[in-house]
Amino acid sequence: MAIADRSLLALLRCGSARVFDLQGRSRDLAKRPGLPAPKPFFNNRNANRLLILKYAPPAHERVALRSERAVQTKLYLPFNDQNIEEGGKTILLSDTRLELALEEQLALSPRHDAAAFRHDRPILDTLDGLPSLDPFLMRDRMDIDGHNIDSAYFAFAEGELERIKGFVRDKMNKVAAFAMQDKVNTADGQEAVERLTQKLWEANDAAALAPVIRAFRINPANAPEIVYGWKGTIYYDYEYSRQRSAWESMLEWLSHGARPREGAVGAAARDLDELRVAARNALLVHWARATEKLNRYRFCFDELFLHKKDAAPFVDFLRDSKRTFWELGDSLSRLSHSHAVWDRGTNRFPLRRLPAPALADLLDMIYQVNAD
């Protein structure tokens, strides 16, 4: 049974921050020369064949789910591991009958294997608690939530993980120093700042975050999730800067290069142009949303920590950091997914000029990725 849902097909075809291809990653890791295969991600055998997807259902669909979050998590279990596009079973983690679906589709339940269920079910919750499936966020959240997952599952370019960590910790260190400014010049002041920076990184101990809670008037009950929302925002700020030039190349193609290789006339030309404009405009909506939110965050951070001015904008940001994190995750993962779809669809053609049918298909895919 082939996949009819084009938005699902667009998710499956390309790697991006909206897709964690666990079965493919496990297969690649098992083939590493001279290295043993890592411990399975899940204890349940079927779960290790999953592709885990982030997607944005329309508002009218969200009201029927346990969570009305704009970003939802879908599990995809292919019928054929060698050709995932042939079709498969899907499970929504916000389905009101989730436990029954996990039992029926994956045999993941206390009745089948209580130990596997105790190990695997919280991991699904951790993945569901992220707005995107970037390797950094998955690895980081798994550590915070105490899941013993082999780091090999989360791939980074050489040196990339250390660059991300350095970028995030630099911002956190500034906040820690501000929160402990009454002690920063004492003998053990710098050590105290470093300890608080580490607690900000871990984002799971409200008591240890007390200096930050006081300095920025944070509700102690919500402190860990507020700090983690800020941590995620810092990460997305890094990713936006890292990927921006690649996204600009895609946008330039959508604006001026998305023309059929052999030319088109009449109604065919008009249809292609309408598709091009629709795809470009849908993508630009998410680009504008991400840019606006990151500019707001950068302004309030710099206002306090660079220009030594008003703390109120940063306090306001922190109170809303969880929502900012989720909205940025949605928009940036769509941009990265669009680029993956675009690059995969065009890089084998000279000057990225496609035949008209292939161009129409690609433009529709980009539109599907970005449509609300």
Protein backbone atom coordinates (compact mmCIF):
# COMPACT_ATOMS: atom_id res chain seq x y z
CA MET A 1 0.00 0.00 0.00
CA ALA A 2 1.75 3.16 -1.19
CA ILE A 3 1.61 6.34 0.87
CA ALA A 4 -1.14 8.71 -0.28
CA ASP A 5 -0.48 11.50 2.26
CA ARG A 6 1.92 13.85 0.48
CA SER A 7 2.86 15.70 3.66
CA LEU A 8 3.87 12.37 5.24
CA LEU A 9 5.79 11.43 2.10
CA ALA A 10 7.67 14.74 2.28
CA LEU A 11 8.65 13.93 5.86
CA LEU A 12 9.89 10.45 5.03
CA ARG A 13 11.90 11.32 1.94
CA CYS A 14 14.47 13.63 3.52
CA GLY A 15 16.45 13.78 6.71
CA SER A 16 15.85 16.92 8.74
CA ALA A 17 15.12 18.07 12.26
CA ARG A 18 11.55 16.82 11.78
CA VAL A 19 12.58 13.19 11.27
CA PHE A 20 14.56 10.75 13.41
CA ASP A 21 15.07 7.64 11.27
CA LEU A 22 15.90 5.25 14.09
CA GLN A 23 15.90 2.11 11.97
CA GLY A 24 18.21 3.69 9.39
CA ARG A 25 20.53 5.06 12.04
CA SER A 26 20.66 1.70 13.81
CA ARG A 27 21.48 -0.03 10.53
CA ASP A 28 24.31 2.42 9.78
CA LEU A 29 25.79 2.08 13.27
CA ALA A 30 25.79 -1.71 13.00
CA LYS A 31 27.96 -1.46 9.85
CA ARG A 32 30.74 0.68 11.36
CA PRO A 33 34.07 -1.08 10.69
CA GLY A 34 35.86 -2.19 13.80
CA LEU A 35 33.18 -0.94 16.18
CA PRO A 36 30.45 -2.93 17.92
CA ALA A 37 26.80 -2.09 17.35
CA PRO A 38 25.51 0.17 20.13
CA LYS A 39 22.97 -0.99 22.66
CA PRO A 40 19.48 -0.80 21.07
CA PHE A 41 17.73 2.53 21.53
CA PHE A 42 14.56 0.84 22.79
CA ASN A 43 14.18 -2.52 24.50
CA ASN A 44 11.14 -3.28 22.37
CA ARG A 45 12.29 -4.79 19.07
CA ASN A 46 9.51 -3.25 16.97
CA ALA A 47 10.20 0.21 18.37
CA ASN A 48 13.75 0.06 17.00
CA ARG A 49 12.28 -0.08 13.47
CA LEU A 50 10.51 3.25 13.92
CA LEU A 51 10.84 6.56 12.14
CA ILE A 52 9.86 9.29 14.59
CA LEU A 53 8.31 12.37 12.98
CA LYS A 54 7.37 15.89 14.05
CA TYR A 55 4.54 17.51 12.17
CA ALA A 56 1.95 20.25 12.53
CA PRO A 57 -1.66 19.02 12.22
CA PRO A 58 -4.33 21.57 11.29
CA ALA A 59 -6.12 23.21 14.22
CA HIS A 60 -9.34 21.28 13.59
CA GLU A 61 -7.44 18.00 14.02
CA ARG A 62 -5.66 19.09 17.21
CA VAL A 63 -8.91 19.49 19.16
CA ALA A 64 -9.45 15.71 18.97
CA LEU A 65 -6.02 14.95 20.49
CA ARG A 66 -4.87 14.79 24.11
CA SER A 67 -2.64 17.79 23.45
CA GLU A 68 -3.48 20.82 21.31
CA ARG A 69 0.20 21.71 20.80
CA ALA A 70 0.95 23.02 17.32
CA VAL A 71 3.71 20.39 16.94
CA GLN A 72 2.83 16.74 17.39
CA THR A 73 4.83 13.49 17.32
CA LYS A 74 4.02 10.58 15.02
CA LEU A 75 5.56 7.10 15.04
CA TYR A 76 5.88 5.43 11.65
CA LEU A 77 6.50 1.69 11.43
CA PRO A 78 7.14 0.73 7.77
CA PHE A 79 5.76 -2.45 6.28
CA ASN A 80 9.02 -2.87 4.34
CA ASP A 81 12.22 -1.73 6.03
CA GLN A 82 14.00 -1.68 2.66
CA ASN A 83 11.45 0.72 1.11
CA ILE A 84 9.79 2.89 3.72
CA GLU A 85 7.66 4.64 1.09
CA GLU A 86 5.61 1.50 0.48
CA GLY A 87 3.52 2.40 3.50
CA GLY A 88 3.35 1.60 7.16
CA LYS A 89 1.50 1.88 10.46
CA THR A 90 1.34 5.25 12.23
CA ILE A 91 0.76 6.11 15.88
CA LEU A 92 0.18 9.61 17.26
CA LEU A 93 1.69 10.11 20.72
CA SER A 94 -1.18 12.47 21.55
CA ASP A 95 -3.82 9.93 20.53
CA THR A 96 -6.43 9.52 23.27
CA ARG A 97 -6.06 5.72 22.86
CA LEU A 98 -2.25 5.77 22.79
CA GLU A 99 -1.61 2.88 25.16
CA LEU A 100 -3.88 0.59 23.14
CA ALA A 101 -2.19 1.69 19.89
CA LEU A 102 1.28 0.98 21.31
CA GLU A 103 0.16 -2.48 22.37
CA GLU A 104 -1.57 -3.33 19.09
CA GLN A 105 1.01 -1.88 16.69
CA LEU A 106 4.30 -2.41 18.56
CA ALA A 107 3.46 -5.00 21.22
CA LEU A 108 4.73 -2.37 23.67
CA SER A 109 2.74 -2.79 26.88
CA PRO A 110 3.14 -4.06 30.45
CA ARG A 111 1.29 -7.22 29.43
CA HIS A 112 3.80 -8.14 26.70
CA ASP A 113 7.02 -7.12 28.48
CA ALA A 114 6.79 -5.05 31.65
CA ALA A 115 10.55 -4.30 31.82
CA ALA A 116 10.69 -3.10 28.20
CA PHE A 117 7.62 -0.95 28.74
CA ARG A 118 9.12 0.70 31.84
CA HIS A 119 12.29 1.47 29.88
CA ASP A 120 10.76 2.55 26.57
CA ARG A 121 7.60 4.44 27.47
CA PRO A 122 9.40 7.35 29.23
CA ILE A 123 11.75 7.69 26.23
CA LEU A 124 8.75 8.27 23.99
CA ASP A 125 7.57 10.95 26.42
CA THR A 126 10.97 12.65 26.24
CA LEU A 127 10.87 12.69 22.43
CA ASP A 128 7.29 13.96 22.50
CA GLY A 129 8.41 16.78 24.83
CA LEU A 130 10.65 18.33 22.16
CA PRO A 131 9.47 20.60 19.32
CA SER A 132 12.04 19.17 16.87
CA LEU A 133 14.35 16.19 16.61
CA ASP A 134 17.73 17.89 16.31
CA PRO A 135 20.53 15.58 17.52
CA PHE A 136 21.65 18.13 20.11
CA LEU A 137 18.20 18.49 21.66
CA MET A 138 17.55 14.75 21.69
CA ARG A 139 20.92 13.93 23.25
CA ASP A 140 20.64 16.76 25.77
CA ARG A 141 17.10 15.93 26.86
CA MET A 142 17.86 12.22 27.13
CA ASP A 143 20.71 13.05 29.52
CA ILE A 144 18.56 15.40 31.60
CA ASP A 145 15.73 12.87 31.85
CA GLY A 146 18.13 10.09 32.87
CA HIS A 147 17.84 7.81 29.84
CA ASN A 148 20.97 5.77 29.16
CA ILE A 149 21.07 6.12 25.35
CA ASP A 150 24.30 5.56 23.42
CA SER A 151 25.48 8.96 22.12
CA ALA A 152 26.31 7.35 18.75
CA TYR A 153 22.63 7.61 17.80
CA PHE A 154 22.99 11.40 17.69
CA ALA A 155 25.28 12.33 14.81
CA PHE A 156 27.25 15.59 14.57
CA ALA A 157 29.76 16.94 12.11
CA GLU A 158 33.29 16.98 13.52
CA GLY A 159 33.57 19.61 16.25
CA GLU A 160 29.93 20.67 15.95
CA LEU A 161 28.80 19.44 19.37
CA GLU A 162 31.57 21.36 21.13
CA ARG A 163 30.74 24.52 19.18
CA ILE A 164 27.08 24.25 20.20
CA LYS A 165 27.98 23.64 23.84
CA GLY A 166 30.36 26.60 23.87
CA PHE A 167 27.73 28.92 22.36
CA VAL A 168 25.03 27.86 24.84
CA ARG A 169 27.23 27.87 27.93
CA ASP A 170 28.59 31.34 27.13
CA LYS A 171 25.05 32.77 27.33
CA MET A 172 24.30 30.81 30.48
CA ASN A 173 27.49 31.99 32.15
CA LYS A 174 26.44 35.62 31.66
CA VAL A 175 23.09 34.96 33.32
CA ALA A 176 24.76 33.08 36.19
CA ALA A 177 27.20 35.95 36.76
CA PHE A 178 24.34 38.46 36.80
CA ALA A 179 22.33 36.34 39.26
CA MET A 180 25.35 36.11 41.60
CA GLN A 181 26.77 39.59 41.11
CA ASP A 182 26.88 40.14 44.88
CA LYS A 183 29.38 37.25 45.17
CA VAL A 184 31.21 37.40 41.86
CA ASN A 185 34.17 39.33 43.33
CA THR A 186 34.59 37.11 46.38
CA ALA A 187 37.24 34.41 46.68
CA ASP A 188 34.93 31.60 45.62
CA GLY A 189 32.69 33.77 43.47
CA GLN A 190 33.83 32.43 40.11
CA GLU A 191 33.44 28.86 41.29
CA ALA A 192 29.89 29.67 42.39
CA VAL A 193 29.14 31.16 38.97
CA GLU A 194 30.46 28.03 37.26
CA ARG A 195 28.35 25.80 39.49
CA LEU A 196 25.25 27.84 38.69
CA THR A 197 26.09 27.72 34.97
CA GLN A 198 26.16 23.93 35.22
CA LYS A 199 22.79 23.91 36.99
CA LEU A 200 21.37 26.10 34.23
CA TRP A 201 22.73 23.60 31.71
CA GLU A 202 21.08 20.69 33.53
CA ALA A 203 17.79 22.60 33.90
CA ASN A 204 16.23 20.11 36.30
CA ASP A 205 16.82 21.37 39.86
CA ALA A 206 14.66 24.28 40.97
CA ALA A 207 16.40 24.54 44.35
CA ALA A 208 19.83 24.92 42.73
CA LEU A 209 18.42 27.60 40.43
CA ALA A 210 17.39 29.79 43.37
CA PRO A 211 19.74 32.73 42.51
CA VAL A 212 18.32 32.89 38.96
CA ILE A 213 14.76 32.54 40.27
CA ARG A 214 15.31 35.52 42.57
CA ALA A 215 17.16 37.67 40.05
CA PHE A 216 14.58 37.24 37.28
CA ARG A 217 11.43 36.77 39.38
CA ILE A 218 10.72 33.29 37.98
CA ASN A 219 7.99 31.09 39.41
CA PRO A 220 9.96 28.34 41.23
CA ALA A 221 7.43 25.68 40.21
CA ASN A 222 8.10 26.41 36.52
CA ALA A 223 11.82 27.21 36.77
CA PRO A 224 13.24 24.04 35.10
CA GLU A 225 10.93 24.26 32.07
CA ILE A 226 11.51 28.03 31.77
CA VAL A 227 15.27 27.53 31.82
CA TYR A 228 15.04 24.67 29.32
CA GLY A 229 12.87 26.80 27.03
CA TRP A 230 15.62 29.44 27.13
CA LYS A 231 18.31 26.80 26.52
CA GLY A 232 16.40 25.57 23.48
CA THR A 233 16.05 29.13 22.21
CA ILE A 234 19.83 29.64 22.49
CA TYR A 235 20.34 26.46 20.49
CA TYR A 236 17.91 27.59 17.78
CA ASP A 237 19.72 30.93 17.62
CA TYR A 238 22.89 28.97 16.84
CA GLU A 239 21.15 26.82 14.23
CA TYR A 240 19.55 29.82 12.52
CA SER A 241 22.96 31.44 12.06
CA ARG A 242 24.56 28.17 10.92
CA GLN A 243 21.96 27.34 8.29
CA ARG A 244 20.93 30.79 7.11
CA SER A 245 23.14 30.94 4.01
CA ALA A 246 21.85 27.54 2.82
CA TRP A 247 18.26 28.68 3.29
CA GLU A 248 19.01 31.89 1.40
CA SER A 249 20.23 29.82 -1.57
CA MET A 250 16.95 27.92 -1.55
CA LEU A 251 14.95 31.14 -1.35
CA GLU A 252 16.92 32.66 -4.23
CA TRP A 253 16.06 29.59 -6.32
CA LEU A 254 12.38 29.89 -5.40
CA SER A 255 12.42 33.57 -6.33
CA HIS A 256 14.37 33.39 -9.60
CA GLY A 257 15.54 29.88 -10.51
CA ALA A 258 12.47 27.67 -10.16
CA ARG A 259 11.79 27.47 -13.88
CA PRO A 260 11.30 24.27 -15.93
CA ARG A 261 14.31 23.01 -17.89
CA GLU A 262 12.44 22.87 -21.19
CA GLY A 263 10.27 25.95 -20.67
CA ALA A 264 6.51 26.10 -20.33
CA VAL A 265 3.84 28.19 -21.98
CA GLY A 266 0.20 29.09 -21.48
CA ALA A 267 -1.74 27.42 -18.69
CA ALA A 268 1.17 25.13 -17.78
CA ALA A 269 3.44 28.13 -17.20
CA ARG A 270 0.77 29.86 -15.12
CA ASP A 271 0.22 26.75 -12.99
CA LEU A 272 3.93 26.41 -12.29
CA ASP A 273 4.23 30.06 -11.38
CA GLU A 274 1.30 29.79 -8.98
CA LEU A 275 2.93 26.77 -7.35
CA ARG A 276 6.26 28.61 -7.08
CA VAL A 277 4.68 31.67 -5.47
CA ALA A 278 2.63 29.55 -3.06
CA ALA A 279 5.70 27.53 -1.99
CA ARG A 280 7.84 30.65 -1.59
CA ASN A 281 5.19 32.54 0.39
CA ALA A 282 4.50 29.60 2.72
CA LEU A 283 8.22 29.25 3.42
CA LEU A 284 8.60 32.98 4.02
CA VAL A 285 5.88 32.89 6.69
CA HIS A 286 8.00 30.58 8.82
CA TRP A 287 11.21 32.45 8.05
CA ALA A 288 9.57 35.69 9.20
CA ARG A 289 8.19 34.06 12.36
CA ALA A 290 11.58 32.64 13.32
CA THR A 291 13.42 35.88 12.55
CA GLU A 292 10.99 37.98 14.59
CA LYS A 293 11.26 35.71 17.63
CA LEU A 294 15.05 35.47 17.50
CA ASN A 295 15.44 39.21 17.00
CA ARG A 296 13.25 39.80 20.04
CA TYR A 297 15.31 37.37 22.11
CA ARG A 298 18.64 38.84 20.96
CA PHE A 299 17.44 42.37 21.70
CA CYS A 300 16.36 41.63 25.26
CA PHE A 301 19.51 39.60 25.98
CA ASP A 302 21.84 42.30 24.61
CA GLU A 303 19.87 45.07 26.31
CA LEU A 304 20.75 43.59 29.69
CA PHE A 305 24.05 41.78 29.26
CA LEU A 306 25.76 43.88 26.56
CA HIS A 307 24.35 47.38 27.07
CA LYS A 308 23.74 46.97 30.85
CA LYS A 309 20.27 48.45 30.59
CA ASP A 310 16.77 47.29 31.47
CA ALA A 311 16.26 43.73 32.71
CA ALA A 312 12.50 43.82 32.15
CA PRO A 313 12.55 42.64 28.49
CA PHE A 314 14.65 39.59 29.42
CA VAL A 315 12.38 38.82 32.37
CA ASP A 316 9.40 38.95 30.01
CA PHE A 317 11.18 36.66 27.56
CA LEU A 318 11.93 34.09 30.26
CA ARG A 319 8.30 33.94 31.33
CA ASP A 320 7.36 33.06 27.76
CA SER A 321 10.46 31.01 26.88
CA LYS A 322 8.71 27.65 26.60
CA ARG A 323 6.29 28.93 23.98
CA THR A 324 9.12 30.69 22.11
CA PHE A 325 11.11 27.42 22.12
CA TRP A 326 8.22 25.45 20.63
CA GLU A 327 7.34 28.04 18.01
CA LEU A 328 10.98 28.38 16.93
CA GLY A 329 11.29 24.61 16.76
CA ASP A 330 8.30 24.40 14.44
CA SER A 331 9.47 27.16 12.10
CA LEU A 332 13.17 26.27 11.96
CA SER A 333 12.55 22.56 11.48
CA ARG A 334 10.24 23.39 8.57
CA LEU A 335 12.98 25.52 7.02
CA SER A 336 15.58 22.78 7.44
CA HIS A 337 13.14 20.21 6.09
CA SER A 338 12.32 22.43 3.10
CA HIS A 339 16.03 22.75 2.34
CA ALA A 340 16.51 18.98 2.56
CA VAL A 341 13.58 18.40 0.17
CA TRP A 342 14.86 21.11 -2.19
CA ASP A 343 18.49 19.95 -2.22
CA ARG A 344 17.56 16.31 -2.72
CA GLY A 345 15.18 17.23 -5.53
CA THR A 346 17.49 19.57 -7.46
CA ASN A 347 21.15 18.71 -6.88
CA ARG A 348 21.38 16.12 -9.65
CA PHE A 349 20.16 18.56 -12.33
CA PRO A 350 22.53 21.05 -14.03
CA LEU A 351 21.88 24.55 -12.66
CA ARG A 352 19.06 22.97 -10.61
CA ARG A 353 16.75 23.22 -13.64
CA LEU A 354 14.13 20.45 -13.49
CA PRO A 355 11.69 19.00 -16.03
CA ALA A 356 8.26 20.58 -15.59
CA PRO A 357 6.58 17.55 -13.90
CA ALA A 358 9.44 17.14 -11.42
CA LEU A 359 9.43 20.87 -10.73
CA ALA A 360 5.70 20.88 -10.03
CA ASP A 361 6.12 17.94 -7.66
CA LEU A 362 9.00 19.60 -5.80
CA LEU A 363 7.22 22.95 -5.44
CA ASP A 364 4.15 21.18 -4.08
CA MET A 365 6.31 19.27 -1.59
CA ILE A 366 7.89 22.51 -0.31
CA TYR A 367 4.44 24.03 0.02
CA GLN A 368 3.19 20.96 1.94
CA VAL A 369 6.12 21.19 4.38
CA ASN A 370 5.30 24.83 5.20
CA ALA A 371 1.51 24.97 4.94
CA ASP A 372 -0.30 25.69 8.20
